């Protein structure tokens, strides 16, 4: 989750008016991703990306997603997808994930 947060700035600083990350009752874009949107897509980054680009997502998030998934990041996205698998037993170890980076 930290990796996806680093790659999508809207997940770290929610661009929506009135959303305060310091408010424990605030529902941030990152929280919506982790608890609703990503599970709803079957934990598939590709499906989530399609939903964001075709839906009514926050414009800044749409722009970030389009840039991240627009080409040139396929290897990184494949590693992230594996690291975000629903079951912990399906995920690579940190060493396995790092060994895939070039």
PDB file of N, CA and C in Angstrom:
ATOM      1  N   UNK A   1       0.819  -1.187   0.000  1.00  0.00           N
ATOM      2  CA  UNK A   1       0.000   0.000   0.000  1.00  0.00           C
ATOM      3  C   UNK A   1       0.867   1.257   0.000  1.00  0.00           C
ATOM      4  N   UNK A   2       2.012   1.187   0.661  1.00  0.00           N
ATOM      5  CA  UNK A   2       2.894   2.355   0.688  1.00  0.00           C
ATOM      6  C   UNK A   2       3.376   2.695  -0.709  1.00  0.00           C
ATOM      7  N   UNK A   3       3.683   1.676  -1.499  1.00  0.00           N
ATOM      8  CA  UNK A   3       4.147   1.912  -2.863  1.00  0.00           C
ATOM      9  C   UNK A   3       3.118   2.635  -3.705  1.00  0.00           C
ATOM     10  N   UNK A   4       1.879   2.207  -3.638  1.00  0.00           N
ATOM     11  CA  UNK A   4       0.834   2.841  -4.433  1.00  0.00           C
ATOM     12  C   UNK A   4       0.572   4.250  -3.923  1.00  0.00           C
ATOM     13  N   UNK A   5       0.688   4.456  -2.625  1.00  0.00           N
ATOM     14  CA  UNK A   5       0.524   5.802  -2.056  1.00  0.00           C
ATOM     15  C   UNK A   5       1.627   6.738  -2.559  1.00  0.00           C
ATOM     16  N   UNK A   6       2.834   6.240  -2.662  1.00  0.00           N
ATOM     17  CA  UNK A   6       3.946   7.066  -3.149  1.00  0.00           C
ATOM     18  C   UNK A   6       3.778   7.422  -4.623  1.00  0.00           C
ATOM     19  N   UNK A   7       3.227   6.519  -5.395  1.00  0.00           N
ATOM     20  CA  UNK A   7       3.077   6.743  -6.829  1.00  0.00           C
ATOM     21  C   UNK A   7       1.879   7.614  -7.190  1.00  0.00           C
ATOM     22  N   UNK A   8       0.915   7.707  -6.303  1.00  0.00           N
ATOM     23  CA  UNK A   8      -0.291   8.503  -6.550  1.00  0.00           C
ATOM     24  C   UNK A   8      -0.411   9.565  -5.452  1.00  0.00           C
ATOM     25  N   UNK A   9       0.100  10.769  -5.690  1.00  0.00           N
ATOM     26  CA  UNK A   9       0.102  11.805  -4.660  1.00  0.00           C
ATOM     27  C   UNK A   9      -1.271  12.105  -4.057  1.00  0.00           C
ATOM     28  N   UNK A  10      -2.345  11.912  -4.824  1.00  0.00           N
ATOM     29  CA  UNK A  10      -3.687  12.158  -4.286  1.00  0.00           C
ATOM     30  C   UNK A  10      -4.017  11.225  -3.126  1.00  0.00           C
ATOM     31  N   UNK A  11      -3.292  10.115  -3.018  1.00  0.00           N
ATOM     32  CA  UNK A  11      -3.515   9.197  -1.904  1.00  0.00           C
ATOM     33  C   UNK A  11      -2.847   9.697  -0.629  1.00  0.00           C
ATOM     34  N   UNK A  12      -1.841  10.564  -0.770  1.00  0.00           N
ATOM     35  CA  UNK A  12      -1.159  11.094   0.409  1.00  0.00           C
ATOM     36  C   UNK A  12      -1.758  12.415   0.871  1.00  0.00           C
ATOM     37  N   UNK A  13      -2.137  13.247  -0.076  1.00  0.00           N
ATOM     38  CA  UNK A  13      -2.759  14.528   0.227  1.00  0.00           C
ATOM     39  C   UNK A  13      -4.048  14.586  -0.584  1.00  0.00           C
ATOM     40  N   UNK A  14      -5.135  14.243   0.044  1.00  0.00           N
ATOM     41  CA  UNK A  14      -6.428  14.165  -0.626  1.00  0.00           C
ATOM     42  C   UNK A  14      -6.796  15.523  -1.210  1.00  0.00           C
ATOM     43  N   UNK A  15      -7.037  15.583  -2.531  1.00  0.00           N
ATOM     44  CA  UNK A  15      -7.317  16.873  -3.173  1.00  0.00           C
ATOM     45  C   UNK A  15      -8.738  17.395  -2.967  1.00  0.00           C
ATOM     46  N   UNK A  16      -9.593  16.586  -2.378  1.00  0.00           N
ATOM     47  CA  UNK A  16     -10.988  17.006  -2.233  1.00  0.00           C
ATOM     48  C   UNK A  16     -11.128  18.040  -1.123  1.00  0.00           C
ATOM     49  N   UNK A  17     -11.917  19.080  -1.373  1.00  0.00           N
ATOM     50  CA  UNK A  17     -12.117  20.117  -0.343  1.00  0.00           C
ATOM     51  C   UNK A  17     -12.736  19.526   0.922  1.00  0.00           C
ATOM     52  N   UNK A  18     -12.228  19.957   2.050  1.00  0.00           N
ATOM     53  CA  UNK A  18     -12.795  19.548   3.323  1.00  0.00           C
ATOM     54  C   UNK A  18     -12.272  18.236   3.879  1.00  0.00           C
ATOM     55  N   UNK A  19     -11.464  17.500   3.133  1.00  0.00           N
ATOM     56  CA  UNK A  19     -10.922  16.235   3.642  1.00  0.00           C
ATOM     57  C   UNK A  19      -9.617  16.538   4.373  1.00  0.00           C
ATOM     58  N   UNK A  20      -9.603  16.253   5.636  1.00  0.00           N
ATOM     59  CA  UNK A  20      -8.454  16.527   6.479  1.00  0.00           C
ATOM     60  C   UNK A  20      -7.866  15.197   6.944  1.00  0.00           C
ATOM     61  N   UNK A  21      -6.648  14.902   6.538  1.00  0.00           N
ATOM     62  CA  UNK A  21      -5.997  13.636   6.902  1.00  0.00           C
ATOM     63  C   UNK A  21      -5.800  13.486   8.405  1.00  0.00           C
ATOM     64  N   UNK A  22      -5.804  14.592   9.115  1.00  0.00           N
ATOM     65  CA  UNK A  22      -5.599  14.532  10.559  1.00  0.00           C
ATOM     66  C   UNK A  22      -6.894  14.212  11.309  1.00  0.00           C
ATOM     67  N   UNK A  23      -8.015  14.308  10.610  1.00  0.00           N
ATOM     68  CA  UNK A  23      -9.311  14.002  11.214  1.00  0.00           C
ATOM     69  C   UNK A  23      -9.509  12.486  11.211  1.00  0.00           C
ATOM     70  N   UNK A  24      -9.614  11.849  12.376  1.00  0.00           N
ATOM     71  CA  UNK A  24      -9.742  10.386  12.411  1.00  0.00           C
ATOM     72  C   UNK A  24     -11.034   9.870  11.766  1.00  0.00           C
ATOM     73  N   UNK A  25     -12.002  10.749  11.554  1.00  0.00           N
ATOM     74  CA  UNK A  25     -13.262  10.338  10.931  1.00  0.00           C
ATOM     75  C   UNK A  25     -13.290  10.589   9.426  1.00  0.00           C
ATOM     76  N   UNK A  26     -12.241  11.183   8.891  1.00  0.00           N
ATOM     77  CA  UNK A  26     -12.198  11.480   7.458  1.00  0.00           C
ATOM     78  C   UNK A  26     -12.019  10.192   6.661  1.00  0.00           C
ATOM     79  N   UNK A  27     -12.692  10.124   5.524  1.00  0.00           N
ATOM     80  CA  UNK A  27     -12.529   8.999   4.607  1.00  0.00           C
ATOM     81  C   UNK A  27     -11.722   9.520   3.423  1.00  0.00           C
ATOM     82  N   UNK A  28     -10.466   9.099   3.359  1.00  0.00           N
ATOM     83  CA  UNK A  28      -9.555   9.593   2.330  1.00  0.00           C
ATOM     84  C   UNK A  28      -9.645   8.736   1.074  1.00  0.00           C
ATOM     85  N   UNK A  29      -9.064   9.252  -0.021  1.00  0.00           N
ATOM     86  CA  UNK A  29      -9.023   8.475  -1.262  1.00  0.00           C
ATOM     87  C   UNK A  29      -8.276   7.160  -1.058  1.00  0.00           C
ATOM     88  N   UNK A  30      -7.211   7.202  -0.269  1.00  0.00           N
ATOM     89  CA  UNK A  30      -6.446   5.981   0.002  1.00  0.00           C
ATOM     90  C   UNK A  30      -7.310   4.971   0.743  1.00  0.00           C
ATOM     91  N   UNK A  31      -8.069   5.440   1.700  1.00  0.00           N
ATOM     92  CA  UNK A  31      -8.939   4.553   2.463  1.00  0.00           C
ATOM     93  C   UNK A  31     -10.026   3.967   1.559  1.00  0.00           C
ATOM     94  N   UNK A  32     -10.597   4.797   0.691  1.00  0.00           N
ATOM     95  CA  UNK A  32     -11.610   4.301  -0.249  1.00  0.00           C
ATOM     96  C   UNK A  32     -11.014   3.238  -1.171  1.00  0.00           C
ATOM     97  N   UNK A  33      -9.775   3.471  -1.623  1.00  0.00           N
ATOM     98  CA  UNK A  33      -9.091   2.495  -2.474  1.00  0.00           C
ATOM     99  C   UNK A  33      -8.928   1.179  -1.735  1.00  0.00           C
ATOM    100  N   UNK A  34      -8.365   1.244  -0.534  1.00  0.00           N
ATOM    101  CA  UNK A  34      -8.025   0.033   0.211  1.00  0.00           C
ATOM    102  C   UNK A  34      -9.243  -0.745   0.698  1.00  0.00           C
ATOM    103  N   UNK A  35     -10.295  -0.026   1.095  1.00  0.00           N
ATOM    104  CA  UNK A  35     -11.426  -0.694   1.737  1.00  0.00           C
ATOM    105  C   UNK A  35     -12.611  -0.950   0.813  1.00  0.00           C
ATOM    106  N   UNK A  36     -12.716  -0.194  -0.281  1.00  0.00           N
ATOM    107  CA  UNK A  36     -13.900  -0.329  -1.135  1.00  0.00           C
ATOM    108  C   UNK A  36     -13.542  -0.595  -2.596  1.00  0.00           C
ATOM    109  N   UNK A  37     -12.879   0.368  -3.221  1.00  0.00           N
ATOM    110  CA  UNK A  37     -12.692   0.318  -4.666  1.00  0.00           C
ATOM    111  C   UNK A  37     -11.823  -0.844  -5.143  1.00  0.00           C
ATOM    112  N   UNK A  38     -10.681  -1.053  -4.499  1.00  0.00           N
ATOM    113  CA  UNK A  38      -9.776  -2.125  -4.923  1.00  0.00           C
ATOM    114  C   UNK A  38     -10.383  -3.507  -4.667  1.00  0.00           C
ATOM    115  N   UNK A  39     -10.949  -3.756  -3.482  1.00  0.00           N
ATOM    116  CA  UNK A  39     -11.612  -5.057  -3.282  1.00  0.00           C
ATOM    117  C   UNK A  39     -12.768  -5.283  -4.266  1.00  0.00           C
ATOM    118  N   UNK A  40     -13.512  -4.230  -4.577  1.00  0.00           N
ATOM    119  CA  UNK A  40     -14.635  -4.341  -5.500  1.00  0.00           C
ATOM    120  C   UNK A  40     -14.159  -4.772  -6.898  1.00  0.00           C
ATOM    121  N   UNK A  41     -12.918  -4.454  -7.223  1.00  0.00           N
ATOM    122  CA  UNK A  41     -12.324  -4.828  -8.516  1.00  0.00           C
ATOM    123  C   UNK A  41     -11.625  -6.187  -8.447  1.00  0.00           C
ATOM    124  N   UNK A  42     -11.864  -6.928  -7.389  1.00  0.00           N
ATOM    125  CA  UNK A  42     -11.222  -8.227  -7.251  1.00  0.00           C
ATOM    126  C   UNK A  42      -9.726  -8.122  -7.018  1.00  0.00           C
ATOM    127  N   UNK A  43      -9.293  -7.011  -6.413  1.00  0.00           N
ATOM    128  CA  UNK A  43      -7.878  -6.766  -6.124  1.00  0.00           C
ATOM    129  C   UNK A  43      -7.047  -6.735  -7.405  1.00  0.00           C
ATOM    130  N   UNK A  44      -7.629  -6.223  -8.475  1.00  0.00           N
ATOM    131  CA  UNK A  44      -6.948  -6.097  -9.766  1.00  0.00           C
ATOM    132  C   UNK A  44      -6.645  -4.628 -10.041  1.00  0.00           C
ATOM    133  N   UNK A  45      -5.358  -4.308 -10.136  1.00  0.00           N
ATOM    134  CA  UNK A  45      -4.977  -2.933 -10.449  1.00  0.00           C
ATOM    135  C   UNK A  45      -5.487  -2.524 -11.829  1.00  0.00           C
ATOM    136  N   UNK A  46      -5.463  -3.438 -12.786  1.00  0.00           N
ATOM    137  CA  UNK A  46      -5.917  -3.117 -14.141  1.00  0.00           C
ATOM    138  C   UNK A  46      -7.401  -2.745 -14.148  1.00  0.00           C
ATOM    139  N   UNK A  47      -8.217  -3.520 -13.452  1.00  0.00           N
ATOM    140  CA  UNK A  47      -9.650  -3.202 -13.377  1.00  0.00           C
ATOM    141  C   UNK A  47      -9.892  -1.909 -12.621  1.00  0.00           C
ATOM    142  N   UNK A  48      -9.167  -1.711 -11.545  1.00  0.00           N
ATOM    143  CA  UNK A  48      -9.311  -0.480 -10.768  1.00  0.00           C
ATOM    144  C   UNK A  48      -8.956   0.725 -11.631  1.00  0.00           C
ATOM    145  N   UNK A  49      -7.869   0.623 -12.367  1.00  0.00           N
ATOM    146  CA  UNK A  49      -7.428   1.709 -13.245  1.00  0.00           C
ATOM    147  C   UNK A  49      -8.498   2.032 -14.279  1.00  0.00           C
ATOM    148  N   UNK A  50      -9.104   1.019 -14.870  1.00  0.00           N
ATOM    149  CA  UNK A  50     -10.175   1.242 -15.844  1.00  0.00           C
ATOM    150  C   UNK A  50     -11.360   1.953 -15.188  1.00  0.00           C
ATOM    151  N   UNK A  51     -11.734   1.518 -14.009  1.00  0.00           N
ATOM    152  CA  UNK A  51     -12.849   2.149 -13.302  1.00  0.00           C
ATOM    153  C   UNK A  51     -12.573   3.615 -12.999  1.00  0.00           C
ATOM    154  N   UNK A  52     -11.344   3.924 -12.603  1.00  0.00           N
ATOM    155  CA  UNK A  52     -10.983   5.309 -12.299  1.00  0.00           C
ATOM    156  C   UNK A  52     -11.063   6.158 -13.565  1.00  0.00           C
ATOM    157  N   UNK A  53     -10.475   5.669 -14.635  1.00  0.00           N
ATOM    158  CA  UNK A  53     -10.429   6.470 -15.857  1.00  0.00           C
ATOM    159  C   UNK A  53     -11.784   6.605 -16.526  1.00  0.00           C
ATOM    160  N   UNK A  54     -12.658   5.638 -16.348  1.00  0.00           N
ATOM    161  CA  UNK A  54     -13.969   5.679 -16.992  1.00  0.00           C
ATOM    162  C   UNK A  54     -15.064   6.207 -16.065  1.00  0.00           C
ATOM    163  N   UNK A  55     -14.739   6.402 -14.809  1.00  0.00           N
ATOM    164  CA  UNK A  55     -15.747   6.807 -13.838  1.00  0.00           C
ATOM    165  C   UNK A  55     -15.686   8.276 -13.484  1.00  0.00           C
ATOM    166  N   UNK A  56     -16.267   8.571 -12.338  1.00  0.00           N
ATOM    167  CA  UNK A  56     -16.370   9.951 -11.874  1.00  0.00           C
ATOM    168  C   UNK A  56     -15.347  10.230 -10.778  1.00  0.00           C
ATOM    169  N   UNK A  57     -14.151   9.789 -10.956  1.00  0.00           N
ATOM    170  CA  UNK A  57     -13.107   9.973  -9.943  1.00  0.00           C
ATOM    171  C   UNK A  57     -12.636  11.421  -9.903  1.00  0.00           C
ATOM    172  N   UNK A  58     -11.969  11.753  -8.836  1.00  0.00           N
ATOM    173  CA  UNK A  58     -11.357  13.064  -8.666  1.00  0.00           C
ATOM    174  C   UNK A  58     -10.415  13.330  -9.857  1.00  0.00           C
ATOM    175  N   UNK A  59     -10.512  14.510 -10.511  1.00  0.00           N
ATOM    176  CA  UNK A  59      -9.693  14.788 -11.699  1.00  0.00           C
ATOM    177  C   UNK A  59      -8.193  14.602 -11.489  1.00  0.00           C
ATOM    178  N   UNK A  60      -7.672  15.027 -10.338  1.00  0.00           N
ATOM    179  CA  UNK A  60      -6.227  14.868 -10.120  1.00  0.00           C
ATOM    180  C   UNK A  60      -5.850  13.389 -10.016  1.00  0.00           C
ATOM    181  N   UNK A  61      -6.703  12.583  -9.405  1.00  0.00           N
ATOM    182  CA  UNK A  61      -6.429  11.145  -9.320  1.00  0.00           C
ATOM    183  C   UNK A  61      -6.487  10.522 -10.709  1.00  0.00           C
ATOM    184  N   UNK A  62      -7.462  10.919 -11.518  1.00  0.00           N
ATOM    185  CA  UNK A  62      -7.545  10.409 -12.887  1.00  0.00           C
ATOM    186  C   UNK A  62      -6.260  10.697 -13.655  1.00  0.00           C
ATOM    187  N   UNK A  63      -5.753  11.914 -13.513  1.00  0.00           N
ATOM    188  CA  UNK A  63      -4.526  12.309 -14.208  1.00  0.00           C
ATOM    189  C   UNK A  63      -3.341  11.470 -13.734  1.00  0.00           C
ATOM    190  N   UNK A  64      -3.224  11.273 -12.434  1.00  0.00           N
ATOM    191  CA  UNK A  64      -2.124  10.478 -11.886  1.00  0.00           C
ATOM    192  C   UNK A  64      -2.206   9.026 -12.356  1.00  0.00           C
ATOM    193  N   UNK A  65      -3.406   8.463 -12.347  1.00  0.00           N
ATOM    194  CA  UNK A  65      -3.606   7.074 -12.779  1.00  0.00           C
ATOM    195  C   UNK A  65      -3.290   6.936 -14.270  1.00  0.00           C
ATOM    196  N   UNK A  66      -3.747   7.882 -15.074  1.00  0.00           N
ATOM    197  CA  UNK A  66      -3.460   7.844 -16.515  1.00  0.00           C
ATOM    198  C   UNK A  66      -1.960   7.877 -16.771  1.00  0.00           C
ATOM    199  N   UNK A  67      -1.257   8.688 -16.021  1.00  0.00           N
ATOM    200  CA  UNK A  67       0.196   8.783 -16.184  1.00  0.00           C
ATOM    201  C   UNK A  67       0.885   7.492 -15.732  1.00  0.00           C
ATOM    202  N   UNK A  68       0.490   6.962 -14.588  1.00  0.00           N
ATOM    203  CA  UNK A  68       1.120   5.744 -14.059  1.00  0.00           C
ATOM    204  C   UNK A  68       0.878   4.544 -14.967  1.00  0.00           C
ATOM    205  N   UNK A  69      -0.344   4.419 -15.470  1.00  0.00           N
ATOM    206  CA  UNK A  69      -0.694   3.256 -16.282  1.00  0.00           C
ATOM    207  C   UNK A  69      -0.534   3.517 -17.776  1.00  0.00           C
ATOM    208  N   UNK A  70      -0.032   4.690 -18.160  1.00  0.00           N
ATOM    209  CA  UNK A  70       0.051   5.077 -19.560  1.00  0.00           C
ATOM    210  C   UNK A  70       1.178   4.435 -20.348  1.00  0.00           C
ATOM    211  N   UNK A  71       1.984   3.655 -19.725  1.00  0.00           N
ATOM    212  CA  UNK A  71       3.076   2.985 -20.432  1.00  0.00           C
ATOM    213  C   UNK A  71       4.419   3.271 -19.786  1.00  0.00           C
ATOM    214  N   UNK A  72       5.279   2.282 -19.854  1.00  0.00           N
ATOM    215  CA  UNK A  72       6.618   2.411 -19.309  1.00  0.00           C
ATOM    216  C   UNK A  72       6.765   1.932 -17.871  1.00  0.00           C
ATOM    217  N   UNK A  73       5.663   1.620 -17.220  1.00  0.00           N
ATOM    218  CA  UNK A  73       5.718   1.182 -15.820  1.00  0.00           C
ATOM    219  C   UNK A  73       5.198  -0.240 -15.639  1.00  0.00           C
ATOM    220  N   UNK A  74       5.143  -0.989 -16.714  1.00  0.00           N
ATOM    221  CA  UNK A  74       4.530  -2.319 -16.658  1.00  0.00           C
ATOM    222  C   UNK A  74       5.201  -3.243 -15.646  1.00  0.00           C
ATOM    223  N   UNK A  75       6.518  -3.244 -15.585  1.00  0.00           N
ATOM    224  CA  UNK A  75       7.215  -4.132 -14.642  1.00  0.00           C
ATOM    225  C   UNK A  75       6.911  -3.748 -13.195  1.00  0.00           C
ATOM    226  N   UNK A  76       6.933  -2.461 -12.923  1.00  0.00           N
ATOM    227  CA  UNK A  76       6.632  -1.989 -11.578  1.00  0.00           C
ATOM    228  C   UNK A  76       5.188  -2.320 -11.198  1.00  0.00           C
ATOM    229  N   UNK A  77       4.258  -2.103 -12.120  1.00  0.00           N
ATOM    230  CA  UNK A  77       2.853  -2.398 -11.844  1.00  0.00           C
ATOM    231  C   UNK A  77       2.623  -3.893 -11.629  1.00  0.00           C
ATOM    232  N   UNK A  78       3.362  -4.727 -12.343  1.00  0.00           N
ATOM    233  CA  UNK A  78       3.243  -6.177 -12.148  1.00  0.00           C
ATOM    234  C   UNK A  78       3.705  -6.570 -10.744  1.00  0.00           C
ATOM    235  N   UNK A  79       4.781  -5.948 -10.277  1.00  0.00           N
ATOM    236  CA  UNK A  79       5.268  -6.222  -8.925  1.00  0.00           C
ATOM    237  C   UNK A  79       4.259  -5.731  -7.890  1.00  0.00           C
ATOM    238  N   UNK A  80       3.756  -4.512  -8.090  1.00  0.00           N
ATOM    239  CA  UNK A  80       2.750  -3.975  -7.166  1.00  0.00           C
ATOM    240  C   UNK A  80       1.510  -4.859  -7.129  1.00  0.00           C
ATOM    241  N   UNK A  81       1.077  -5.328  -8.303  1.00  0.00           N
ATOM    242  CA  UNK A  81      -0.101  -6.186  -8.343  1.00  0.00           C
ATOM    243  C   UNK A  81       0.121  -7.432  -7.492  1.00  0.00           C
ATOM    244  N   UNK A  82       1.285  -8.033  -7.629  1.00  0.00           N
ATOM    245  CA  UNK A  82       1.590  -9.225  -6.828  1.00  0.00           C
ATOM    246  C   UNK A  82       1.649  -8.903  -5.329  1.00  0.00           C
ATOM    247  N   UNK A  83       2.186  -7.728  -4.996  1.00  0.00           N
ATOM    248  CA  UNK A  83       2.307  -7.348  -3.590  1.00  0.00           C
ATOM    249  C   UNK A  83       0.952  -6.994  -2.974  1.00  0.00           C
ATOM    250  N   UNK A  84      -0.040  -6.683  -3.812  1.00  0.00           N
ATOM    251  CA  UNK A  84      -1.358  -6.300  -3.319  1.00  0.00           C
ATOM    252  C   UNK A  84      -2.382  -7.426  -3.428  1.00  0.00           C
ATOM    253  N   UNK A  85      -1.923  -8.642  -3.637  1.00  0.00           N
ATOM    254  CA  UNK A  85      -2.845  -9.775  -3.697  1.00  0.00           C
ATOM    255  C   UNK A  85      -3.613  -9.861  -2.385  1.00  0.00           C
ATOM    256  N   UNK A  86      -4.837 -10.341  -2.469  1.00  0.00           N
ATOM    257  CA  UNK A  86      -5.690 -10.384  -1.280  1.00  0.00           C
ATOM    258  C   UNK A  86      -5.105 -11.249  -0.172  1.00  0.00           C
ATOM    259  N   UNK A  87      -4.683 -12.437  -0.506  1.00  0.00           N
ATOM    260  CA  UNK A  87      -4.157 -13.349   0.504  1.00  0.00           C
ATOM    261  C   UNK A  87      -2.669 -13.156   0.719  1.00  0.00           C
ATOM    262  N   UNK A  88      -2.256 -12.941   1.961  1.00  0.00           N
ATOM    263  CA  UNK A  88      -0.834 -12.745   2.240  1.00  0.00           C
ATOM    264  C   UNK A  88       0.051 -13.880   1.728  1.00  0.00           C
ATOM    265  N   UNK A  89      -0.461 -15.095   1.717  1.00  0.00           N
ATOM    266  CA  UNK A  89       0.320 -16.226   1.229  1.00  0.00           C
ATOM    267  C   UNK A  89       0.593 -16.166  -0.264  1.00  0.00           C
ATOM    268  N   UNK A  90      -0.183 -15.372  -0.979  1.00  0.00           N
ATOM    269  CA  UNK A  90       0.000 -15.222  -2.429  1.00  0.00           C
ATOM    270  C   UNK A  90       1.021 -14.147  -2.772  1.00  0.00           C
ATOM    271  N   UNK A  91       1.351 -13.315  -1.805  1.00  0.00           N
ATOM    272  CA  UNK A  91       2.239 -12.186  -2.051  1.00  0.00           C
ATOM    273  C   UNK A  91       3.700 -12.623  -2.022  1.00  0.00           C
ATOM    274  N   UNK A  92       4.545 -11.981  -2.839  1.00  0.00           N
ATOM    275  CA  UNK A  92       5.978 -12.295  -2.775  1.00  0.00           C
ATOM    276  C   UNK A  92       6.582 -11.716  -1.494  1.00  0.00           C
ATOM    277  N   UNK A  93       7.670 -12.301  -1.084  1.00  0.00           N
ATOM    278  CA  UNK A  93       8.401 -11.731   0.047  1.00  0.00           C
ATOM    279  C   UNK A  93       9.047 -10.427  -0.440  1.00  0.00           C
ATOM    280  N   UNK A  94       9.452  -9.561   0.471  1.00  0.00           N
ATOM    281  CA  UNK A  94      10.147  -8.342   0.031  1.00  0.00           C
ATOM    282  C   UNK A  94      11.378  -8.652  -0.817  1.00  0.00           C
ATOM    283  N   UNK A  95      12.098  -9.696  -0.447  1.00  0.00           N
ATOM    284  CA  UNK A  95      13.294 -10.068  -1.207  1.00  0.00           C
ATOM    285  C   UNK A  95      12.927 -10.492  -2.631  1.00  0.00           C
ATOM    286  N   UNK A  96      11.853 -11.259  -2.770  1.00  0.00           N
ATOM    287  CA  UNK A  96      11.415 -11.686  -4.094  1.00  0.00           C
ATOM    288  C   UNK A  96      10.974 -10.487  -4.929  1.00  0.00           C
ATOM    289  N   UNK A  97      10.246  -9.573  -4.320  1.00  0.00           N
ATOM    290  CA  UNK A  97       9.778  -8.394  -5.054  1.00  0.00           C
ATOM    291  C   UNK A  97      10.954  -7.529  -5.483  1.00  0.00           C
ATOM    292  N   UNK A  98      11.890  -7.299  -4.578  1.00  0.00           N
ATOM    293  CA  UNK A  98      13.050  -6.462  -4.922  1.00  0.00           C
ATOM    294  C   UNK A  98      13.928  -7.107  -5.995  1.00  0.00           C
ATOM    295  N   UNK A  99      13.993  -8.425  -5.988  1.00  0.00           N
ATOM    296  CA  UNK A  99      14.838  -9.104  -6.982  1.00  0.00           C
ATOM    297  C   UNK A  99      14.276  -8.949  -8.398  1.00  0.00           C
ATOM    298  N   UNK A 100      13.001  -8.631  -8.509  1.00  0.00           N
ATOM    299  CA  UNK A 100      12.374  -8.441  -9.828  1.00  0.00           C
ATOM    300  C   UNK A 100      12.632  -7.061 -10.401  1.00  0.00           C
ATOM    301  N   UNK A 101      13.059  -6.114  -9.572  1.00  0.00           N
ATOM    302  CA  UNK A 101      13.354  -4.769 -10.059  1.00  0.00           C
ATOM    303  C   UNK A 101      14.663  -4.789 -10.851  1.00  0.00           C
ATOM    304  N   UNK A 102      14.695  -4.020 -11.873  1.00  0.00           N
ATOM    305  CA  UNK A 102      15.925  -3.975 -12.700  1.00  0.00           C
ATOM    306  C   UNK A 102      16.646  -2.681 -12.513  1.00  0.00           C
TER     307      UNK A 102
END
